[in-house]
């Protein structure tokens, strides 16, 4: 399995960002080949983190690209700063 993690800081409206992600981005993630799970987390203090899990690296890479496009097209005013992006193979899980 592979994971892609994106941390957004400076979120201007976390409730609206969550709504748009749930209604618009989650359906996109479900269409990516190898999709396993997706989580959007409000960590407080204007930061939010997304975690995408896929069966293969190609799915994780595609999720990063789709996230960038979705943020640019739908969330730019709510997520004004570029995210910190990390991705890699899941080497332990429970």
PDB file of N, CA and C in Angstrom:
ATOM      1  N   UNK A   1       0.845  -1.182   0.000  1.00  0.00           N
ATOM      2  CA  UNK A   1       0.000   0.000   0.000  1.00  0.00           C
ATOM      3  C   UNK A   1       0.887   1.242   0.000  1.00  0.00           C
ATOM      4  N   UNK A   2       0.312   2.316  -0.513  1.00  0.00           N
ATOM      5  CA  UNK A   2       0.995   3.603  -0.562  1.00  0.00           C
ATOM      6  C   UNK A   2       0.080   4.671   0.026  1.00  0.00           C
ATOM      7  N   UNK A   3       0.695   5.675   0.629  1.00  0.00           N
ATOM      8  CA  UNK A   3      -0.057   6.774   1.226  1.00  0.00           C
ATOM      9  C   UNK A   3       0.459   8.097   0.686  1.00  0.00           C
ATOM     10  N   UNK A   4      -0.460   9.035   0.549  1.00  0.00           N
ATOM     11  CA  UNK A   4      -0.120  10.420   0.212  1.00  0.00           C
ATOM     12  C   UNK A   4      -0.714  11.292   1.311  1.00  0.00           C
ATOM     13  N   UNK A   5       0.123  12.123   1.909  1.00  0.00           N
ATOM     14  CA  UNK A   5      -0.306  12.990   3.006  1.00  0.00           C
ATOM     15  C   UNK A   5      -0.029  14.429   2.602  1.00  0.00           C
ATOM     16  N   UNK A   6      -1.049  15.272   2.784  1.00  0.00           N
ATOM     17  CA  UNK A   6      -0.921  16.690   2.445  1.00  0.00           C
ATOM     18  C   UNK A   6      -1.355  17.508   3.662  1.00  0.00           C
ATOM     19  N   UNK A   7      -0.494  18.435   4.094  1.00  0.00           N
ATOM     20  CA  UNK A   7      -0.810  19.304   5.233  1.00  0.00           C
ATOM     21  C   UNK A   7      -0.985  20.723   4.719  1.00  0.00           C
ATOM     22  N   UNK A   8      -2.153  21.285   5.018  1.00  0.00           N
ATOM     23  CA  UNK A   8      -2.496  22.645   4.605  1.00  0.00           C
ATOM     24  C   UNK A   8      -2.512  23.542   5.837  1.00  0.00           C
ATOM     25  N   UNK A   9      -1.815  24.665   5.781  1.00  0.00           N
ATOM     26  CA  UNK A   9      -1.812  25.638   6.867  1.00  0.00           C
ATOM     27  C   UNK A   9      -2.417  26.940   6.370  1.00  0.00           C
ATOM     28  N   UNK A  10      -2.946  27.714   7.298  1.00  0.00           N
ATOM     29  CA  UNK A  10      -3.569  28.985   6.934  1.00  0.00           C
ATOM     30  C   UNK A  10      -4.977  28.829   6.397  1.00  0.00           C
ATOM     31  N   UNK A  11      -5.645  27.740   6.762  1.00  0.00           N
ATOM     32  CA  UNK A  11      -7.008  27.480   6.290  1.00  0.00           C
ATOM     33  C   UNK A  11      -7.926  28.573   6.828  1.00  0.00           C
ATOM     34  N   UNK A  12      -8.680  29.205   5.943  1.00  0.00           N
ATOM     35  CA  UNK A  12      -9.502  30.353   6.343  1.00  0.00           C
ATOM     36  C   UNK A  12     -10.880  29.965   6.859  1.00  0.00           C
ATOM     37  N   UNK A  13     -11.403  28.815   6.454  1.00  0.00           N
ATOM     38  CA  UNK A  13     -12.718  28.351   6.908  1.00  0.00           C
ATOM     39  C   UNK A  13     -12.722  26.826   6.859  1.00  0.00           C
ATOM     40  N   UNK A  14     -12.407  26.204   7.988  1.00  0.00           N
ATOM     41  CA  UNK A  14     -12.252  24.748   7.989  1.00  0.00           C
ATOM     42  C   UNK A  14     -13.572  24.021   7.736  1.00  0.00           C
ATOM     43  N   UNK A  15     -14.682  24.563   8.224  1.00  0.00           N
ATOM     44  CA  UNK A  15     -15.979  23.903   8.003  1.00  0.00           C
ATOM     45  C   UNK A  15     -16.341  23.901   6.519  1.00  0.00           C
ATOM     46  N   UNK A  16     -16.138  25.008   5.841  1.00  0.00           N
ATOM     47  CA  UNK A  16     -16.444  25.082   4.409  1.00  0.00           C
ATOM     48  C   UNK A  16     -15.477  24.219   3.608  1.00  0.00           C
ATOM     49  N   UNK A  17     -14.217  24.211   3.988  1.00  0.00           N
ATOM     50  CA  UNK A  17     -13.245  23.355   3.305  1.00  0.00           C
ATOM     51  C   UNK A  17     -13.655  21.890   3.451  1.00  0.00           C
ATOM     52  N   UNK A  18     -14.064  21.498   4.653  1.00  0.00           N
ATOM     53  CA  UNK A  18     -14.498  20.115   4.886  1.00  0.00           C
ATOM     54  C   UNK A  18     -15.712  19.774   4.030  1.00  0.00           C
ATOM     55  N   UNK A  19     -16.645  20.689   3.940  1.00  0.00           N
ATOM     56  CA  UNK A  19     -17.843  20.443   3.137  1.00  0.00           C
ATOM     57  C   UNK A  19     -17.482  20.233   1.672  1.00  0.00           C
ATOM     58  N   UNK A  20     -16.647  21.114   1.141  1.00  0.00           N
ATOM     59  CA  UNK A  20     -16.278  21.010  -0.269  1.00  0.00           C
ATOM     60  C   UNK A  20     -15.457  19.757  -0.555  1.00  0.00           C
ATOM     61  N   UNK A  21     -14.567  19.411   0.363  1.00  0.00           N
ATOM     62  CA  UNK A  21     -13.781  18.192   0.184  1.00  0.00           C
ATOM     63  C   UNK A  21     -14.697  16.974   0.204  1.00  0.00           C
ATOM     64  N   UNK A  22     -15.597  16.932   1.163  1.00  0.00           N
ATOM     65  CA  UNK A  22     -16.495  15.780   1.283  1.00  0.00           C
ATOM     66  C   UNK A  22     -17.408  15.649   0.065  1.00  0.00           C
ATOM     67  N   UNK A  23     -17.931  16.754  -0.399  1.00  0.00           N
ATOM     68  CA  UNK A  23     -18.877  16.714  -1.523  1.00  0.00           C
ATOM     69  C   UNK A  23     -18.212  16.597  -2.884  1.00  0.00           C
ATOM     70  N   UNK A  24     -17.013  17.174  -3.037  1.00  0.00           N
ATOM     71  CA  UNK A  24     -16.393  17.222  -4.356  1.00  0.00           C
ATOM     72  C   UNK A  24     -15.148  16.378  -4.531  1.00  0.00           C
ATOM     73  N   UNK A  25     -14.266  16.380  -3.523  1.00  0.00           N
ATOM     74  CA  UNK A  25     -12.995  15.683  -3.687  1.00  0.00           C
ATOM     75  C   UNK A  25     -13.082  14.198  -3.358  1.00  0.00           C
ATOM     76  N   UNK A  26     -13.812  13.844  -2.319  1.00  0.00           N
ATOM     77  CA  UNK A  26     -13.921  12.438  -1.937  1.00  0.00           C
ATOM     78  C   UNK A  26     -14.438  11.588  -3.101  1.00  0.00           C
ATOM     79  N   UNK A  27     -15.471  12.020  -3.812  1.00  0.00           N
ATOM     80  CA  UNK A  27     -15.904  11.216  -4.975  1.00  0.00           C
ATOM     81  C   UNK A  27     -14.806  11.043  -6.027  1.00  0.00           C
ATOM     82  N   UNK A  28     -13.954  12.050  -6.211  1.00  0.00           N
ATOM     83  CA  UNK A  28     -12.842  11.922  -7.158  1.00  0.00           C
ATOM     84  C   UNK A  28     -11.845  10.864  -6.692  1.00  0.00           C
ATOM     85  N   UNK A  29     -11.555  10.849  -5.399  1.00  0.00           N
ATOM     86  CA  UNK A  29     -10.606   9.867  -4.861  1.00  0.00           C
ATOM     87  C   UNK A  29     -11.119   8.442  -5.041  1.00  0.00           C
ATOM     88  N   UNK A  30     -12.413   8.258  -4.857  1.00  0.00           N
ATOM     89  CA  UNK A  30     -12.991   6.912  -4.999  1.00  0.00           C
ATOM     90  C   UNK A  30     -12.845   6.369  -6.416  1.00  0.00           C
ATOM     91  N   UNK A  31     -12.669   7.247  -7.388  1.00  0.00           N
ATOM     92  CA  UNK A  31     -12.532   6.829  -8.789  1.00  0.00           C
ATOM     93  C   UNK A  31     -11.098   6.459  -9.160  1.00  0.00           C
ATOM     94  N   UNK A  32     -10.125   6.807  -8.314  1.00  0.00           N
ATOM     95  CA  UNK A  32      -8.727   6.528  -8.624  1.00  0.00           C
ATOM     96  C   UNK A  32      -8.456   5.036  -8.452  1.00  0.00           C
ATOM     97  N   UNK A  33      -7.793   4.459  -9.426  1.00  0.00           N
ATOM     98  CA  UNK A  33      -7.477   3.036  -9.381  1.00  0.00           C
ATOM     99  C   UNK A  33      -6.667   2.696  -8.130  1.00  0.00           C
ATOM    100  N   UNK A  34      -7.067   1.646  -7.439  1.00  0.00           N
ATOM    101  CA  UNK A  34      -6.356   1.204  -6.252  1.00  0.00           C
ATOM    102  C   UNK A  34      -6.745   1.927  -4.980  1.00  0.00           C
ATOM    103  N   UNK A  35      -7.816   2.723  -5.036  1.00  0.00           N
ATOM    104  CA  UNK A  35      -8.261   3.467  -3.850  1.00  0.00           C
ATOM    105  C   UNK A  35      -8.572   2.522  -2.695  1.00  0.00           C
ATOM    106  N   UNK A  36      -8.104   2.885  -1.489  1.00  0.00           N
ATOM    107  CA  UNK A  36      -8.403   2.131  -0.278  1.00  0.00           C
ATOM    108  C   UNK A  36      -9.166   2.997   0.710  1.00  0.00           C
ATOM    109  N   UNK A  37      -8.640   4.196   1.008  1.00  0.00           N
ATOM    110  CA  UNK A  37      -9.280   5.051   2.008  1.00  0.00           C
ATOM    111  C   UNK A  37      -8.816   6.491   1.841  1.00  0.00           C
ATOM    112  N   UNK A  38      -9.628   7.410   2.350  1.00  0.00           N
ATOM    113  CA  UNK A  38      -9.287   8.835   2.350  1.00  0.00           C
ATOM    114  C   UNK A  38      -9.774   9.446   3.657  1.00  0.00           C
ATOM    115  N   UNK A  39      -8.949  10.318   4.247  1.00  0.00           N
ATOM    116  CA  UNK A  39      -9.297  11.019   5.482  1.00  0.00           C
ATOM    117  C   UNK A  39      -8.933  12.489   5.357  1.00  0.00           C
ATOM    118  N   UNK A  40      -9.832  13.356   5.811  1.00  0.00           N
ATOM    119  CA  UNK A  40      -9.603  14.808   5.853  1.00  0.00           C
ATOM    120  C   UNK A  40      -9.708  15.190   7.325  1.00  0.00           C
ATOM    121  N   UNK A  41      -8.644  15.708   7.890  1.00  0.00           N
ATOM    122  CA  UNK A  41      -8.542  15.911   9.326  1.00  0.00           C
ATOM    123  C   UNK A  41      -8.354  17.386   9.642  1.00  0.00           C
ATOM    124  N   UNK A  42      -9.181  17.897  10.548  1.00  0.00           N
ATOM    125  CA  UNK A  42      -9.032  19.265  11.047  1.00  0.00           C
ATOM    126  C   UNK A  42      -8.161  19.181  12.290  1.00  0.00           C
ATOM    127  N   UNK A  43      -6.924  19.630  12.193  1.00  0.00           N
ATOM    128  CA  UNK A  43      -5.995  19.555  13.323  1.00  0.00           C
ATOM    129  C   UNK A  43      -6.056  20.784  14.214  1.00  0.00           C
ATOM    130  N   UNK A  44      -6.925  21.732  13.859  1.00  0.00           N
ATOM    131  CA  UNK A  44      -7.069  22.954  14.646  1.00  0.00           C
ATOM    132  C   UNK A  44      -6.048  24.002  14.248  1.00  0.00           C
ATOM    133  N   UNK A  45      -6.223  25.196  14.793  1.00  0.00           N
ATOM    134  CA  UNK A  45      -5.300  26.311  14.545  1.00  0.00           C
ATOM    135  C   UNK A  45      -5.059  26.582  13.067  1.00  0.00           C
ATOM    136  N   UNK A  46      -6.114  26.423  12.245  1.00  0.00           N
ATOM    137  CA  UNK A  46      -5.993  26.756  10.825  1.00  0.00           C
ATOM    138  C   UNK A  46      -5.203  25.757   9.999  1.00  0.00           C
ATOM    139  N   UNK A  47      -5.103  24.525  10.468  1.00  0.00           N
ATOM    140  CA  UNK A  47      -4.389  23.497   9.707  1.00  0.00           C
ATOM    141  C   UNK A  47      -5.309  22.306   9.469  1.00  0.00           C
ATOM    142  N   UNK A  48      -5.177  21.721   8.291  1.00  0.00           N
ATOM    143  CA  UNK A  48      -5.926  20.522   7.932  1.00  0.00           C
ATOM    144  C   UNK A  48      -4.976  19.576   7.214  1.00  0.00           C
ATOM    145  N   UNK A  49      -5.222  18.280   7.379  1.00  0.00           N
ATOM    146  CA  UNK A  49      -4.362  17.255   6.796  1.00  0.00           C
ATOM    147  C   UNK A  49      -5.218  16.242   6.052  1.00  0.00           C
ATOM    148  N   UNK A  50      -4.797  15.873   4.861  1.00  0.00           N
ATOM    149  CA  UNK A  50      -5.472  14.795   4.149  1.00  0.00           C
ATOM    150  C   UNK A  50      -4.531  13.601   4.065  1.00  0.00           C
ATOM    151  N   UNK A  51      -5.127  12.424   4.170  1.00  0.00           N
ATOM    152  CA  UNK A  51      -4.375  11.182   4.032  1.00  0.00           C
ATOM    153  C   UNK A  51      -5.129  10.294   3.048  1.00  0.00           C
ATOM    154  N   UNK A  52      -4.448   9.917   1.990  1.00  0.00           N
ATOM    155  CA  UNK A  52      -5.026   9.059   0.960  1.00  0.00           C
ATOM    156  C   UNK A  52      -4.246   7.757   0.949  1.00  0.00           C
ATOM    157  N   UNK A  53      -4.960   6.635   0.941  1.00  0.00           N
ATOM    158  CA  UNK A  53      -4.329   5.324   0.933  1.00  0.00           C
ATOM    159  C   UNK A  53      -4.725   4.595  -0.353  1.00  0.00           C
ATOM    160  N   UNK A  54      -3.723   4.012  -1.005  1.00  0.00           N
ATOM    161  CA  UNK A  54      -3.947   3.301  -2.266  1.00  0.00           C
ATOM    162  C   UNK A  54      -3.197   1.985  -2.277  1.00  0.00           C
ATOM    163  N   UNK A  55      -3.641   1.076  -3.111  1.00  0.00           N
ATOM    164  CA  UNK A  55      -2.988  -0.221  -3.243  1.00  0.00           C
ATOM    165  C   UNK A  55      -1.631  -0.103  -3.917  1.00  0.00           C
ATOM    166  N   UNK A  56      -1.416   0.961  -4.699  1.00  0.00           N
ATOM    167  CA  UNK A  56      -0.179   1.081  -5.450  1.00  0.00           C
ATOM    168  C   UNK A  56       0.289   2.534  -5.519  1.00  0.00           C
ATOM    169  N   UNK A  57       1.538   2.700  -5.917  1.00  0.00           N
ATOM    170  CA  UNK A  57       2.134   4.028  -5.997  1.00  0.00           C
ATOM    171  C   UNK A  57       1.444   4.902  -7.052  1.00  0.00           C
ATOM    172  N   UNK A  58       1.018   4.306  -8.139  1.00  0.00           N
ATOM    173  CA  UNK A  58       0.367   5.080  -9.196  1.00  0.00           C
ATOM    174  C   UNK A  58      -0.875   5.789  -8.666  1.00  0.00           C
ATOM    175  N   UNK A  59      -1.661   5.113  -7.839  1.00  0.00           N
ATOM    176  CA  UNK A  59      -2.840   5.735  -7.255  1.00  0.00           C
ATOM    177  C   UNK A  59      -2.481   6.887  -6.342  1.00  0.00           C
ATOM    178  N   UNK A  60      -1.455   6.700  -5.511  1.00  0.00           N
ATOM    179  CA  UNK A  60      -1.020   7.770  -4.614  1.00  0.00           C
ATOM    180  C   UNK A  60      -0.537   8.977  -5.414  1.00  0.00           C
ATOM    181  N   UNK A  61       0.238   8.719  -6.461  1.00  0.00           N
ATOM    182  CA  UNK A  61       0.726   9.818  -7.304  1.00  0.00           C
ATOM    183  C   UNK A  61      -0.430  10.546  -7.988  1.00  0.00           C
ATOM    184  N   UNK A  62      -1.400   9.785  -8.469  1.00  0.00           N
ATOM    185  CA  UNK A  62      -2.560  10.399  -9.120  1.00  0.00           C
ATOM    186  C   UNK A  62      -3.350  11.254  -8.123  1.00  0.00           C
ATOM    187  N   UNK A  63      -3.442  10.798  -6.879  1.00  0.00           N
ATOM    188  CA  UNK A  63      -4.187  11.562  -5.873  1.00  0.00           C
ATOM    189  C   UNK A  63      -3.526  12.913  -5.607  1.00  0.00           C
ATOM    190  N   UNK A  64      -2.209  12.949  -5.639  1.00  0.00           N
ATOM    191  CA  UNK A  64      -1.493  14.211  -5.421  1.00  0.00           C
ATOM    192  C   UNK A  64      -1.821  15.195  -6.541  1.00  0.00           C
ATOM    193  N   UNK A  65      -1.823  14.703  -7.759  1.00  0.00           N
ATOM    194  CA  UNK A  65      -2.152  15.545  -8.908  1.00  0.00           C
ATOM    195  C   UNK A  65      -3.601  16.035  -8.849  1.00  0.00           C
ATOM    196  N   UNK A  66      -4.522  15.119  -8.545  1.00  0.00           N
ATOM    197  CA  UNK A  66      -5.933  15.497  -8.466  1.00  0.00           C
ATOM    198  C   UNK A  66      -6.174  16.493  -7.324  1.00  0.00           C
ATOM    199  N   UNK A  67      -5.472  16.317  -6.218  1.00  0.00           N
ATOM    200  CA  UNK A  67      -5.621  17.247  -5.094  1.00  0.00           C
ATOM    201  C   UNK A  67      -5.179  18.645  -5.488  1.00  0.00           C
ATOM    202  N   UNK A  68      -4.055  18.753  -6.167  1.00  0.00           N
ATOM    203  CA  UNK A  68      -3.574  20.065  -6.599  1.00  0.00           C
ATOM    204  C   UNK A  68      -4.584  20.742  -7.516  1.00  0.00           C
ATOM    205  N   UNK A  69      -5.140  19.991  -8.456  1.00  0.00           N
ATOM    206  CA  UNK A  69      -6.135  20.550  -9.369  1.00  0.00           C
ATOM    207  C   UNK A  69      -7.400  20.962  -8.621  1.00  0.00           C
ATOM    208  N   UNK A  70      -7.859  20.119  -7.700  1.00  0.00           N
ATOM    209  CA  UNK A  70      -9.090  20.412  -6.971  1.00  0.00           C
ATOM    210  C   UNK A  70      -8.925  21.644  -6.089  1.00  0.00           C
ATOM    211  N   UNK A  71      -7.807  21.738  -5.416  1.00  0.00           N
ATOM    212  CA  UNK A  71      -7.562  22.914  -4.577  1.00  0.00           C
ATOM    213  C   UNK A  71      -7.519  24.173  -5.437  1.00  0.00           C
ATOM    214  N   UNK A  72      -6.789  24.119  -6.526  1.00  0.00           N
ATOM    215  CA  UNK A  72      -6.691  25.281  -7.421  1.00  0.00           C
ATOM    216  C   UNK A  72      -8.065  25.712  -7.931  1.00  0.00           C
ATOM    217  N   UNK A  73      -8.890  24.746  -8.310  1.00  0.00           N
ATOM    218  CA  UNK A  73     -10.175  25.053  -8.935  1.00  0.00           C
ATOM    219  C   UNK A  73     -11.308  25.327  -7.948  1.00  0.00           C
ATOM    220  N   UNK A  74     -11.202  24.825  -6.710  1.00  0.00           N
ATOM    221  CA  UNK A  74     -12.337  24.886  -5.791  1.00  0.00           C
ATOM    222  C   UNK A  74     -12.044  25.430  -4.396  1.00  0.00           C
ATOM    223  N   UNK A  75     -10.781  25.396  -3.979  1.00  0.00           N
ATOM    224  CA  UNK A  75     -10.477  25.729  -2.588  1.00  0.00           C
ATOM    225  C   UNK A  75      -9.406  26.804  -2.417  1.00  0.00           C
ATOM    226  N   UNK A  76      -9.011  27.463  -3.476  1.00  0.00           N
ATOM    227  CA  UNK A  76      -7.890  28.393  -3.412  1.00  0.00           C
ATOM    228  C   UNK A  76      -8.082  29.473  -2.349  1.00  0.00           C
ATOM    229  N   UNK A  77      -9.290  29.973  -2.187  1.00  0.00           N
ATOM    230  CA  UNK A  77      -9.504  31.024  -1.195  1.00  0.00           C
ATOM    231  C   UNK A  77      -9.520  30.490   0.229  1.00  0.00           C
ATOM    232  N   UNK A  78      -9.815  29.204   0.396  1.00  0.00           N
ATOM    233  CA  UNK A  78      -9.874  28.593   1.729  1.00  0.00           C
ATOM    234  C   UNK A  78      -8.543  27.988   2.151  1.00  0.00           C
ATOM    235  N   UNK A  79      -7.750  27.561   1.174  1.00  0.00           N
ATOM    236  CA  UNK A  79      -6.439  26.963   1.422  1.00  0.00           C
ATOM    237  C   UNK A  79      -5.400  27.786   0.662  1.00  0.00           C
ATOM    238  N   UNK A  80      -5.067  28.980   1.173  1.00  0.00           N
ATOM    239  CA  UNK A  80      -4.248  29.919   0.410  1.00  0.00           C
ATOM    240  C   UNK A  80      -2.775  29.546   0.287  1.00  0.00           C
ATOM    241  N   UNK A  81      -2.287  28.650   1.126  1.00  0.00           N
ATOM    242  CA  UNK A  81      -0.866  28.298   1.108  1.00  0.00           C
ATOM    243  C   UNK A  81      -0.653  26.921   0.481  1.00  0.00           C
ATOM    244  N   UNK A  82       0.445  26.752  -0.244  1.00  0.00           N
ATOM    245  CA  UNK A  82       0.710  25.433  -0.821  1.00  0.00           C
ATOM    246  C   UNK A  82       0.898  24.404   0.290  1.00  0.00           C
ATOM    247  N   UNK A  83       0.457  23.171   0.054  1.00  0.00           N
ATOM    248  CA  UNK A  83       0.567  22.159   1.102  1.00  0.00           C
ATOM    249  C   UNK A  83       1.978  21.581   1.207  1.00  0.00           C
ATOM    250  N   UNK A  84       2.249  21.015   2.353  1.00  0.00           N
ATOM    251  CA  UNK A  84       3.416  20.143   2.510  1.00  0.00           C
ATOM    252  C   UNK A  84       2.933  18.769   2.051  1.00  0.00           C
ATOM    253  N   UNK A  85       3.611  18.170   1.091  1.00  0.00           N
ATOM    254  CA  UNK A  85       3.173  16.893   0.522  1.00  0.00           C
ATOM    255  C   UNK A  85       4.221  15.817   0.816  1.00  0.00           C
ATOM    256  N   UNK A  86       3.749  14.704   1.320  1.00  0.00           N
ATOM    257  CA  UNK A  86       4.595  13.556   1.575  1.00  0.00           C
ATOM    258  C   UNK A  86       3.896  12.331   0.998  1.00  0.00           C
ATOM    259  N   UNK A  87       4.670  11.402   0.471  1.00  0.00           N
ATOM    260  CA  UNK A  87       4.087  10.171  -0.055  1.00  0.00           C
ATOM    261  C   UNK A  87       5.102   9.057   0.073  1.00  0.00           C
ATOM    262  N   UNK A  88       4.602   7.852   0.223  1.00  0.00           N
ATOM    263  CA  UNK A  88       5.501   6.719   0.293  1.00  0.00           C
ATOM    264  C   UNK A  88       4.794   5.416   0.555  1.00  0.00           C
ATOM    265  N   UNK A  89       5.572   4.379   0.595  1.00  0.00           N
ATOM    266  CA  UNK A  89       5.040   3.047   0.835  1.00  0.00           C
ATOM    267  C   UNK A  89       4.684   2.885   2.310  1.00  0.00           C
ATOM    268  N   UNK A  90       3.532   2.294   2.552  1.00  0.00           N
ATOM    269  CA  UNK A  90       3.126   1.973   3.909  1.00  0.00           C
ATOM    270  C   UNK A  90       3.910   0.735   4.314  1.00  0.00           C
ATOM    271  N   UNK A  91       4.705   0.851   5.376  1.00  0.00           N
ATOM    272  CA  UNK A  91       5.559  -0.268   5.777  1.00  0.00           C
ATOM    273  C   UNK A  91       5.082  -0.939   7.061  1.00  0.00           C
ATOM    274  N   UNK A  92       4.071  -0.362   7.703  1.00  0.00           N
ATOM    275  CA  UNK A  92       3.460  -0.982   8.869  1.00  0.00           C
ATOM    276  C   UNK A  92       2.036  -0.446   8.982  1.00  0.00           C
ATOM    277  N   UNK A  93       1.111  -1.288   9.412  1.00  0.00           N
ATOM    278  CA  UNK A  93      -0.280  -0.836   9.572  1.00  0.00           C
ATOM    279  C   UNK A  93      -0.984  -1.748  10.572  1.00  0.00           C
ATOM    280  N   UNK A  94      -2.119  -1.284  11.035  1.00  0.00           N
ATOM    281  CA  UNK A  94      -2.913  -2.075  11.976  1.00  0.00           C
ATOM    282  C   UNK A  94      -4.370  -1.993  11.584  1.00  0.00           C
TER     283      UNK A  94
END
